[in-house]
Amino acid sequence: MGMTETIDARLREGLSPSHLVVTDDSHHHIGHAGYREGGESHFSVEIVSEKFAGVNRVNRQRMIHELLKEELVSKIHALQIKANTPDEISTMKTGSF
């Protein structure tokens, strides 16, 4: 299983999202710190979960970091996170992140 699939599985298990997109952005970081040949070092996550209700942005990120702590220590160099509740998404004018 690749890192994209690992991230996806851990977040689905821990946060039961209604929407989740995990993207390997490593190709944008060739030559930068933390880049590894073959990718799987830099990721972005778009996630929508009821479990974020009443939780501020920093603590949402902490929730995700806790679920991915092993990977963040050993394999993931950078993780960009967009985390929202379903209600927040429905009130956004564009309907997207």
PDB file of N, CA and C in Angstrom:
ATOM      1  N   MET A   1       0.847  -1.178   0.000  1.00  0.00           N
ATOM      2  CA  MET A   1       0.000   0.000   0.000  1.00  0.00           C
ATOM      3  C   MET A   1       0.891   1.239   0.000  1.00  0.00           C
ATOM      4  N   GLY A   2       0.584   2.183  -0.885  1.00  0.00           N
ATOM      5  CA  GLY A   2       1.330   3.429  -0.945  1.00  0.00           C
ATOM      6  C   GLY A   2       0.918   4.384   0.159  1.00  0.00           C
ATOM      7  N   MET A   3       1.668   5.463   0.299  1.00  0.00           N
ATOM      8  CA  MET A   3       1.403   6.427   1.362  1.00  0.00           C
ATOM      9  C   MET A   3       0.052   7.123   1.170  1.00  0.00           C
ATOM     10  N   THR A   4      -0.342   7.411  -0.065  1.00  0.00           N
ATOM     11  CA  THR A   4      -1.644   8.034  -0.304  1.00  0.00           C
ATOM     12  C   THR A   4      -2.760   7.153   0.244  1.00  0.00           C
ATOM     13  N   GLU A   5      -2.679   5.867  -0.025  1.00  0.00           N
ATOM     14  CA  GLU A   5      -3.688   4.926   0.448  1.00  0.00           C
ATOM     15  C   GLU A   5      -3.643   4.763   1.964  1.00  0.00           C
ATOM     16  N   THR A   6      -2.446   4.806   2.545  1.00  0.00           N
ATOM     17  CA  THR A   6      -2.306   4.714   3.997  1.00  0.00           C
ATOM     18  C   THR A   6      -2.959   5.909   4.678  1.00  0.00           C
ATOM     19  N   ILE A   7      -2.676   7.108   4.173  1.00  0.00           N
ATOM     20  CA  ILE A   7      -3.275   8.322   4.733  1.00  0.00           C
ATOM     21  C   ILE A   7      -4.792   8.236   4.625  1.00  0.00           C
ATOM     22  N   ASP A   8      -5.273   7.872   3.453  1.00  0.00           N
ATOM     23  CA  ASP A   8      -6.714   7.749   3.218  1.00  0.00           C
ATOM     24  C   ASP A   8      -7.347   6.782   4.225  1.00  0.00           C
ATOM     25  N   ALA A   9      -6.760   5.609   4.372  1.00  0.00           N
ATOM     26  CA  ALA A   9      -7.320   4.587   5.262  1.00  0.00           C
ATOM     27  C   ALA A   9      -7.346   5.050   6.716  1.00  0.00           C
ATOM     28  N   ARG A  10      -6.270   5.664   7.181  1.00  0.00           N
ATOM     29  CA  ARG A  10      -6.206   6.104   8.577  1.00  0.00           C
ATOM     30  C   ARG A  10      -7.223   7.209   8.866  1.00  0.00           C
ATOM     31  N   LEU A  11      -7.361   8.148   7.920  1.00  0.00           N
ATOM     32  CA  LEU A  11      -8.310   9.244   8.132  1.00  0.00           C
ATOM     33  C   LEU A  11      -9.751   8.753   8.038  1.00  0.00           C
ATOM     34  N   ARG A  12     -10.025   7.836   7.135  1.00  0.00           N
ATOM     35  CA  ARG A  12     -11.389   7.275   7.043  1.00  0.00           C
ATOM     36  C   ARG A  12     -11.745   6.520   8.323  1.00  0.00           C
ATOM     37  N   GLU A  13     -10.805   5.760   8.828  1.00  0.00           N
ATOM     38  CA  GLU A  13     -11.051   4.992  10.051  1.00  0.00           C
ATOM     39  C   GLU A  13     -11.253   5.901  11.261  1.00  0.00           C
ATOM     40  N   GLY A  14     -10.424   6.931  11.370  1.00  0.00           N
ATOM     41  CA  GLY A  14     -10.457   7.783  12.554  1.00  0.00           C
ATOM     42  C   GLY A  14     -11.471   8.901  12.533  1.00  0.00           C
ATOM     43  N   LEU A  15     -11.868   9.371  11.333  1.00  0.00           N
ATOM     44  CA  LEU A  15     -12.726  10.557  11.266  1.00  0.00           C
ATOM     45  C   LEU A  15     -14.028  10.355  10.495  1.00  0.00           C
ATOM     46  N   SER A  16     -14.227   9.209   9.898  1.00  0.00           N
ATOM     47  CA  SER A  16     -15.460   8.907   9.145  1.00  0.00           C
ATOM     48  C   SER A  16     -15.891  10.075   8.259  1.00  0.00           C
ATOM     49  N   PRO A  17     -15.033  10.533   7.369  1.00  0.00           N
ATOM     50  CA  PRO A  17     -15.366  11.711   6.566  1.00  0.00           C
ATOM     51  C   PRO A  17     -16.464  11.450   5.536  1.00  0.00           C
ATOM     52  N   SER A  18     -17.205  12.512   5.241  1.00  0.00           N
ATOM     53  CA  SER A  18     -18.175  12.453   4.151  1.00  0.00           C
ATOM     54  C   SER A  18     -17.492  12.814   2.829  1.00  0.00           C
ATOM     55  N   HIS A  19     -16.337  13.428   2.921  1.00  0.00           N
ATOM     56  CA  HIS A  19     -15.536  13.796   1.744  1.00  0.00           C
ATOM     57  C   HIS A  19     -14.073  13.702   2.149  1.00  0.00           C
ATOM     58  N   LEU A  20     -13.271  13.076   1.321  1.00  0.00           N
ATOM     59  CA  LEU A  20     -11.828  12.982   1.581  1.00  0.00           C
ATOM     60  C   LEU A  20     -11.078  12.853   0.272  1.00  0.00           C
ATOM     61  N   VAL A  21     -10.117  13.749   0.071  1.00  0.00           N
ATOM     62  CA  VAL A  21      -9.220  13.675  -1.077  1.00  0.00           C
ATOM     63  C   VAL A  21      -7.801  13.813  -0.550  1.00  0.00           C
ATOM     64  N   VAL A  22      -6.972  12.817  -0.844  1.00  0.00           N
ATOM     65  CA  VAL A  22      -5.560  12.837  -0.462  1.00  0.00           C
ATOM     66  C   VAL A  22      -4.767  12.919  -1.762  1.00  0.00           C
ATOM     67  N   THR A  23      -3.886  13.915  -1.860  1.00  0.00           N
ATOM     68  CA  THR A  23      -3.113  14.139  -3.077  1.00  0.00           C
ATOM     69  C   THR A  23      -1.623  14.130  -2.767  1.00  0.00           C
ATOM     70  N   ASP A  24      -0.874  13.379  -3.558  1.00  0.00           N
ATOM     71  CA  ASP A  24       0.590  13.382  -3.457  1.00  0.00           C
ATOM     72  C   ASP A  24       1.099  14.566  -4.279  1.00  0.00           C
ATOM     73  N   ASP A  25       1.582  15.593  -3.599  1.00  0.00           N
ATOM     74  CA  ASP A  25       2.076  16.810  -4.240  1.00  0.00           C
ATOM     75  C   ASP A  25       3.593  16.817  -4.375  1.00  0.00           C
ATOM     76  N   SER A  26       4.222  15.691  -4.166  1.00  0.00           N
ATOM     77  CA  SER A  26       5.682  15.622  -4.123  1.00  0.00           C
ATOM     78  C   SER A  26       6.342  16.150  -5.392  1.00  0.00           C
ATOM     79  N   HIS A  27       5.715  15.928  -6.534  1.00  0.00           N
ATOM     80  CA  HIS A  27       6.312  16.361  -7.799  1.00  0.00           C
ATOM     81  C   HIS A  27       6.496  17.883  -7.873  1.00  0.00           C
ATOM     82  N   HIS A  28       5.779  18.625  -7.046  1.00  0.00           N
ATOM     83  CA  HIS A  28       5.937  20.084  -6.990  1.00  0.00           C
ATOM     84  C   HIS A  28       7.149  20.499  -6.157  1.00  0.00           C
ATOM     85  N   HIS A  29       7.782  19.543  -5.493  1.00  0.00           N
ATOM     86  CA  HIS A  29       8.848  19.854  -4.536  1.00  0.00           C
ATOM     87  C   HIS A  29      10.192  19.228  -4.905  1.00  0.00           C
ATOM     88  N   ILE A  30      10.338  18.820  -6.146  1.00  0.00           N
ATOM     89  CA  ILE A  30      11.607  18.246  -6.599  1.00  0.00           C
ATOM     90  C   ILE A  30      12.720  19.259  -6.346  1.00  0.00           C
ATOM     91  N   GLY A  31      13.771  18.811  -5.692  1.00  0.00           N
ATOM     92  CA  GLY A  31      14.904  19.685  -5.378  1.00  0.00           C
ATOM     93  C   GLY A  31      14.764  20.436  -4.067  1.00  0.00           C
ATOM     94  N   HIS A  32      13.629  20.328  -3.416  1.00  0.00           N
ATOM     95  CA  HIS A  32      13.409  21.015  -2.141  1.00  0.00           C
ATOM     96  C   HIS A  32      13.654  20.056  -0.975  1.00  0.00           C
ATOM     97  N   ALA A  33      13.734  20.619   0.208  1.00  0.00           N
ATOM     98  CA  ALA A  33      13.952  19.819   1.418  1.00  0.00           C
ATOM     99  C   ALA A  33      12.867  18.768   1.582  1.00  0.00           C
ATOM    100  N   GLY A  34      13.277  17.593   1.949  1.00  0.00           N
ATOM    101  CA  GLY A  34      12.339  16.527   2.241  1.00  0.00           C
ATOM    102  C   GLY A  34      11.872  15.730   1.047  1.00  0.00           C
ATOM    103  N   TYR A  35      12.170  16.193  -0.156  1.00  0.00           N
ATOM    104  CA  TYR A  35      11.738  15.446  -1.342  1.00  0.00           C
ATOM    105  C   TYR A  35      12.521  14.149  -1.435  1.00  0.00           C
ATOM    106  N   ARG A  36      11.816  13.067  -1.770  1.00  0.00           N
ATOM    107  CA  ARG A  36      12.445  11.770  -1.995  1.00  0.00           C
ATOM    108  C   ARG A  36      12.183  11.331  -3.421  1.00  0.00           C
ATOM    109  N   GLU A  37      13.157  10.711  -4.024  1.00  0.00           N
ATOM    110  CA  GLU A  37      12.974  10.136  -5.358  1.00  0.00           C
ATOM    111  C   GLU A  37      11.789   9.179  -5.311  1.00  0.00           C
ATOM    112  N   GLY A  38      10.890   9.307  -6.251  1.00  0.00           N
ATOM    113  CA  GLY A  38       9.700   8.464  -6.271  1.00  0.00           C
ATOM    114  C   GLY A  38       8.501   9.096  -5.591  1.00  0.00           C
ATOM    115  N   GLY A  39       8.691  10.262  -4.975  1.00  0.00           N
ATOM    116  CA  GLY A  39       7.575  10.973  -4.361  1.00  0.00           C
ATOM    117  C   GLY A  39       7.208  10.458  -2.987  1.00  0.00           C
ATOM    118  N   GLU A  40       5.932  10.598  -2.674  1.00  0.00           N
ATOM    119  CA  GLU A  40       5.379  10.194  -1.389  1.00  0.00           C
ATOM    120  C   GLU A  40       6.045  10.886  -0.197  1.00  0.00           C
ATOM    121  N   SER A  41       6.283  12.181  -0.334  1.00  0.00           N
ATOM    122  CA  SER A  41       6.873  12.952   0.755  1.00  0.00           C
ATOM    123  C   SER A  41       6.042  14.186   1.118  1.00  0.00           C
ATOM    124  N   HIS A  42       5.315  14.746   0.164  1.00  0.00           N
ATOM    125  CA  HIS A  42       4.528  15.954   0.359  1.00  0.00           C
ATOM    126  C   HIS A  42       3.082  15.669  -0.048  1.00  0.00           C
ATOM    127  N   PHE A  43       2.147  15.943   0.853  1.00  0.00           N
ATOM    128  CA  PHE A  43       0.746  15.614   0.597  1.00  0.00           C
ATOM    129  C   PHE A  43      -0.173  16.767   0.958  1.00  0.00           C
ATOM    130  N   SER A  44      -1.335  16.776   0.318  1.00  0.00           N
ATOM    131  CA  SER A  44      -2.419  17.675   0.728  1.00  0.00           C
ATOM    132  C   SER A  44      -3.649  16.819   0.990  1.00  0.00           C
ATOM    133  N   VAL A  45      -4.438  17.275   1.968  1.00  0.00           N
ATOM    134  CA  VAL A  45      -5.647  16.568   2.374  1.00  0.00           C
ATOM    135  C   VAL A  45      -6.803  17.560   2.405  1.00  0.00           C
ATOM    136  N   GLU A  46      -7.896  17.207   1.746  1.00  0.00           N
ATOM    137  CA  GLU A  46      -9.166  17.923   1.862  1.00  0.00           C
ATOM    138  C   GLU A  46     -10.113  16.953   2.539  1.00  0.00           C
ATOM    139  N   ILE A  47     -10.643  17.339   3.695  1.00  0.00           N
ATOM    140  CA  ILE A  47     -11.478  16.421   4.455  1.00  0.00           C
ATOM    141  C   ILE A  47     -12.667  17.156   5.063  1.00  0.00           C
ATOM    142  N   VAL A  48     -13.822  16.492   5.015  1.00  0.00           N
ATOM    143  CA  VAL A  48     -15.042  17.003   5.623  1.00  0.00           C
ATOM    144  C   VAL A  48     -15.543  15.922   6.574  1.00  0.00           C
ATOM    145  N   SER A  49     -15.704  16.311   7.847  1.00  0.00           N
ATOM    146  CA  SER A  49     -16.135  15.348   8.852  1.00  0.00           C
ATOM    147  C   SER A  49     -16.973  16.021   9.928  1.00  0.00           C
ATOM    148  N   GLU A  50     -18.017  15.334  10.362  1.00  0.00           N
ATOM    149  CA  GLU A  50     -18.834  15.798  11.493  1.00  0.00           C
ATOM    150  C   GLU A  50     -17.994  15.883  12.767  1.00  0.00           C
ATOM    151  N   LYS A  51     -16.926  15.102  12.834  1.00  0.00           N
ATOM    152  CA  LYS A  51     -16.096  15.075  14.043  1.00  0.00           C
ATOM    153  C   LYS A  51     -15.346  16.384  14.275  1.00  0.00           C
ATOM    154  N   PHE A  52     -15.358  17.282  13.289  1.00  0.00           N
ATOM    155  CA  PHE A  52     -14.725  18.591  13.449  1.00  0.00           C
ATOM    156  C   PHE A  52     -15.675  19.629  14.046  1.00  0.00           C
ATOM    157  N   ALA A  53     -16.934  19.291  14.213  1.00  0.00           N
ATOM    158  CA  ALA A  53     -17.910  20.247  14.755  1.00  0.00           C
ATOM    159  C   ALA A  53     -17.467  20.707  16.142  1.00  0.00           C
ATOM    160  N   GLY A  54     -17.429  22.019  16.313  1.00  0.00           N
ATOM    161  CA  GLY A  54     -17.049  22.599  17.600  1.00  0.00           C
ATOM    162  C   GLY A  54     -15.556  22.565  17.889  1.00  0.00           C
ATOM    163  N   VAL A  55     -14.750  22.155  16.897  1.00  0.00           N
ATOM    164  CA  VAL A  55     -13.296  22.046  17.063  1.00  0.00           C
ATOM    165  C   VAL A  55     -12.628  23.129  16.218  1.00  0.00           C
ATOM    166  N   ASN A  56     -11.722  23.885  16.819  1.00  0.00           N
ATOM    167  CA  ASN A  56     -11.058  24.945  16.047  1.00  0.00           C
ATOM    168  C   ASN A  56     -10.053  24.366  15.044  1.00  0.00           C
ATOM    169  N   ARG A  57      -9.576  25.217  14.151  1.00  0.00           N
ATOM    170  CA  ARG A  57      -8.695  24.802  13.067  1.00  0.00           C
ATOM    171  C   ARG A  57      -7.429  24.101  13.562  1.00  0.00           C
ATOM    172  N   VAL A  58      -6.807  24.639  14.570  1.00  0.00           N
ATOM    173  CA  VAL A  58      -5.569  24.052  15.099  1.00  0.00           C
ATOM    174  C   VAL A  58      -5.828  22.660  15.654  1.00  0.00           C
ATOM    175  N   ASN A  59      -6.897  22.500  16.403  1.00  0.00           N
ATOM    176  CA  ASN A  59      -7.196  21.191  16.977  1.00  0.00           C
ATOM    177  C   ASN A  59      -7.651  20.180  15.926  1.00  0.00           C
ATOM    178  N   ARG A  60      -8.256  20.646  14.846  1.00  0.00           N
ATOM    179  CA  ARG A  60      -8.579  19.747  13.730  1.00  0.00           C
ATOM    180  C   ARG A  60      -7.287  19.188  13.143  1.00  0.00           C
ATOM    181  N   GLN A  61      -6.313  20.066  12.955  1.00  0.00           N
ATOM    182  CA  GLN A  61      -5.024  19.622  12.430  1.00  0.00           C
ATOM    183  C   GLN A  61      -4.352  18.656  13.399  1.00  0.00           C
ATOM    184  N   ARG A  62      -4.459  18.929  14.682  1.00  0.00           N
ATOM    185  CA  ARG A  62      -3.889  18.028  15.685  1.00  0.00           C
ATOM    186  C   ARG A  62      -4.544  16.649  15.629  1.00  0.00           C
ATOM    187  N   MET A  63      -5.853  16.616  15.401  1.00  0.00           N
ATOM    188  CA  MET A  63      -6.560  15.339  15.278  1.00  0.00           C
ATOM    189  C   MET A  63      -5.990  14.526  14.118  1.00  0.00           C
ATOM    190  N   ILE A  64      -5.773  15.198  13.007  1.00  0.00           N
ATOM    191  CA  ILE A  64      -5.235  14.529  11.820  1.00  0.00           C
ATOM    192  C   ILE A  64      -3.797  14.105  12.059  1.00  0.00           C
ATOM    193  N   HIS A  65      -3.009  14.970  12.653  1.00  0.00           N
ATOM    194  CA  HIS A  65      -1.609  14.631  12.950  1.00  0.00           C
ATOM    195  C   HIS A  65      -1.522  13.431  13.886  1.00  0.00           C
ATOM    196  N   GLU A  66      -2.411  13.350  14.846  1.00  0.00           N
ATOM    197  CA  GLU A  66      -2.408  12.213  15.774  1.00  0.00           C
ATOM    198  C   GLU A  66      -2.678  10.907  15.021  1.00  0.00           C
ATOM    199  N   LEU A  67      -3.607  10.935  14.087  1.00  0.00           N
ATOM    200  CA  LEU A  67      -3.919   9.733  13.313  1.00  0.00           C
ATOM    201  C   LEU A  67      -2.768   9.315  12.390  1.00  0.00           C
ATOM    202  N   LEU A  68      -1.947  10.287  12.010  1.00  0.00           N
ATOM    203  CA  LEU A  68      -0.842  10.023  11.078  1.00  0.00           C
ATOM    204  C   LEU A  68       0.529  10.155  11.735  1.00  0.00           C
ATOM    205  N   LYS A  69       0.582  10.074  13.066  1.00  0.00           N
ATOM    206  CA  LYS A  69       1.836  10.368  13.775  1.00  0.00           C
ATOM    207  C   LYS A  69       3.011   9.500  13.332  1.00  0.00           C
ATOM    208  N   GLU A  70       2.797   8.222  13.105  1.00  0.00           N
ATOM    209  CA  GLU A  70       3.901   7.349  12.675  1.00  0.00           C
ATOM    210  C   GLU A  70       4.439   7.773  11.321  1.00  0.00           C
ATOM    211  N   GLU A  71       3.539   8.080  10.401  1.00  0.00           N
ATOM    212  CA  GLU A  71       3.954   8.474   9.056  1.00  0.00           C
ATOM    213  C   GLU A  71       4.633   9.843   9.053  1.00  0.00           C
ATOM    214  N   LEU A  72       4.146  10.756   9.895  1.00  0.00           N
ATOM    215  CA  LEU A  72       4.743  12.095   9.959  1.00  0.00           C
ATOM    216  C   LEU A  72       6.163  12.055  10.510  1.00  0.00           C
ATOM    217  N   VAL A  73       6.434  11.114  11.379  1.00  0.00           N
ATOM    218  CA  VAL A  73       7.778  10.988  11.944  1.00  0.00           C
ATOM    219  C   VAL A  73       8.749  10.377  10.937  1.00  0.00           C
ATOM    220  N   SER A  74       8.272   9.432  10.163  1.00  0.00           N
ATOM    221  CA  SER A  74       9.202   8.659   9.338  1.00  0.00           C
ATOM    222  C   SER A  74       9.093   8.856   7.831  1.00  0.00           C
ATOM    223  N   LYS A  75       7.933   9.223   7.312  1.00  0.00           N
ATOM    224  CA  LYS A  75       7.766   9.195   5.857  1.00  0.00           C
ATOM    225  C   LYS A  75       7.246  10.485   5.236  1.00  0.00           C
ATOM    226  N   ILE A  76       6.355  11.177   5.913  1.00  0.00           N
ATOM    227  CA  ILE A  76       5.754  12.386   5.346  1.00  0.00           C
ATOM    228  C   ILE A  76       6.580  13.597   5.762  1.00  0.00           C
ATOM    229  N   HIS A  77       7.032  14.358   4.766  1.00  0.00           N
ATOM    230  CA  HIS A  77       7.795  15.571   5.064  1.00  0.00           C
ATOM    231  C   HIS A  77       6.860  16.764   5.280  1.00  0.00           C
ATOM    232  N   ALA A  78       5.801  16.860   4.475  1.00  0.00           N
ATOM    233  CA  ALA A  78       4.891  17.998   4.572  1.00  0.00           C
ATOM    234  C   ALA A  78       3.463  17.541   4.324  1.00  0.00           C
ATOM    235  N   LEU A  79       2.537  18.152   5.075  1.00  0.00           N
ATOM    236  CA  LEU A  79       1.124  17.810   4.959  1.00  0.00           C
ATOM    237  C   LEU A  79       0.307  19.093   5.024  1.00  0.00           C
ATOM    238  N   GLN A  80      -0.351  19.421   3.917  1.00  0.00           N
ATOM    239  CA  GLN A  80      -1.242  20.580   3.858  1.00  0.00           C
ATOM    240  C   GLN A  80      -2.657  20.082   4.128  1.00  0.00           C
ATOM    241  N   ILE A  81      -3.385  20.765   5.027  1.00  0.00           N
ATOM    242  CA  ILE A  81      -4.691  20.278   5.460  1.00  0.00           C
ATOM    243  C   ILE A  81      -5.758  21.348   5.276  1.00  0.00           C
ATOM    244  N   LYS A  82      -6.878  20.932   4.674  1.00  0.00           N
ATOM    245  CA  LYS A  82      -8.104  21.727   4.639  1.00  0.00           C
ATOM    246  C   LYS A  82      -9.169  20.853   5.282  1.00  0.00           C
ATOM    247  N   ALA A  83      -9.600  21.225   6.479  1.00  0.00           N
ATOM    248  CA  ALA A  83     -10.539  20.411   7.245  1.00  0.00           C
ATOM    249  C   ALA A  83     -11.777  21.220   7.604  1.00  0.00           C
ATOM    250  N   ASN A  84     -12.942  20.714   7.217  1.00  0.00           N
ATOM    251  CA  ASN A  84     -14.194  21.410   7.443  1.00  0.00           C
ATOM    252  C   ASN A  84     -15.270  20.440   7.925  1.00  0.00           C
ATOM    253  N   THR A  85     -16.342  21.026   8.453  1.00  0.00           N
ATOM    254  CA  THR A  85     -17.534  20.253   8.780  1.00  0.00           C
ATOM    255  C   THR A  85     -18.468  20.312   7.579  1.00  0.00           C
ATOM    256  N   PRO A  86     -19.431  19.407   7.485  1.00  0.00           N
ATOM    257  CA  PRO A  86     -20.416  19.488   6.394  1.00  0.00           C
ATOM    258  C   PRO A  86     -21.176  20.818   6.397  1.00  0.00           C
ATOM    259  N   ASP A  87     -21.507  21.336   7.575  1.00  0.00           N
ATOM    260  CA  ASP A  87     -22.219  22.617   7.652  1.00  0.00           C
ATOM    261  C   ASP A  87     -21.379  23.763   7.101  1.00  0.00           C
ATOM    262  N   GLU A  88     -20.081  23.756   7.367  1.00  0.00           N
ATOM    263  CA  GLU A  88     -19.204  24.813   6.851  1.00  0.00           C
ATOM    264  C   GLU A  88     -19.146  24.764   5.327  1.00  0.00           C
ATOM    265  N   ILE A  89     -19.099  23.574   4.772  1.00  0.00           N
ATOM    266  CA  ILE A  89     -19.047  23.431   3.318  1.00  0.00           C
ATOM    267  C   ILE A  89     -20.342  23.919   2.691  1.00  0.00           C
ATOM    268  N   SER A  90     -21.466  23.595   3.310  1.00  0.00           N
ATOM    269  CA  SER A  90     -22.751  23.985   2.725  1.00  0.00           C
ATOM    270  C   SER A  90     -22.964  25.493   2.762  1.00  0.00           C
ATOM    271  N   THR A  91     -22.279  26.203   3.659  1.00  0.00           N
ATOM    272  CA  THR A  91     -22.445  27.658   3.739  1.00  0.00           C
ATOM    273  C   THR A  91     -21.434  28.427   2.895  1.00  0.00           C
ATOM    274  N   MET A  92     -20.441  27.711   2.346  1.00  0.00           N
ATOM    275  CA  MET A  92     -19.474  28.381   1.477  1.00  0.00           C
ATOM    276  C   MET A  92     -20.157  28.760   0.171  1.00  0.00           C
ATOM    277  N   LYS A  93     -19.922  29.961  -0.287  1.00  0.00           N
ATOM    278  CA  LYS A  93     -20.579  30.447  -1.492  1.00  0.00           C
ATOM    279  C   LYS A  93     -20.244  29.616  -2.724  1.00  0.00           C
ATOM    280  N   THR A  94     -18.991  29.171  -2.843  1.00  0.00           N
ATOM    281  CA  THR A  94     -18.601  28.448  -4.033  1.00  0.00           C
ATOM    282  C   THR A  94     -18.916  26.975  -3.933  1.00  0.00           C
ATOM    283  N   GLY A  95     -19.156  26.486  -2.729  1.00  0.00           N
ATOM    284  CA  GLY A  95     -19.448  25.070  -2.527  1.00  0.00           C
ATOM    285  C   GLY A  95     -18.226  24.184  -2.627  1.00  0.00           C
ATOM    286  N   SER A  96     -17.039  24.791  -2.611  1.00  0.00           N
ATOM    287  CA  SER A  96     -15.806  24.003  -2.670  1.00  0.00           C
ATOM    288  C   SER A  96     -14.817  24.546  -1.655  1.00  0.00           C
ATOM    289  N   PHE A  97     -13.702  23.862  -1.557  1.00  0.00           N
ATOM    290  CA  PHE A  97     -12.674  24.275  -0.616  1.00  0.00           C
ATOM    291  C   PHE A  97     -12.014  25.531  -1.121  1.00  0.00           C
TER     292      PHE A  97
END
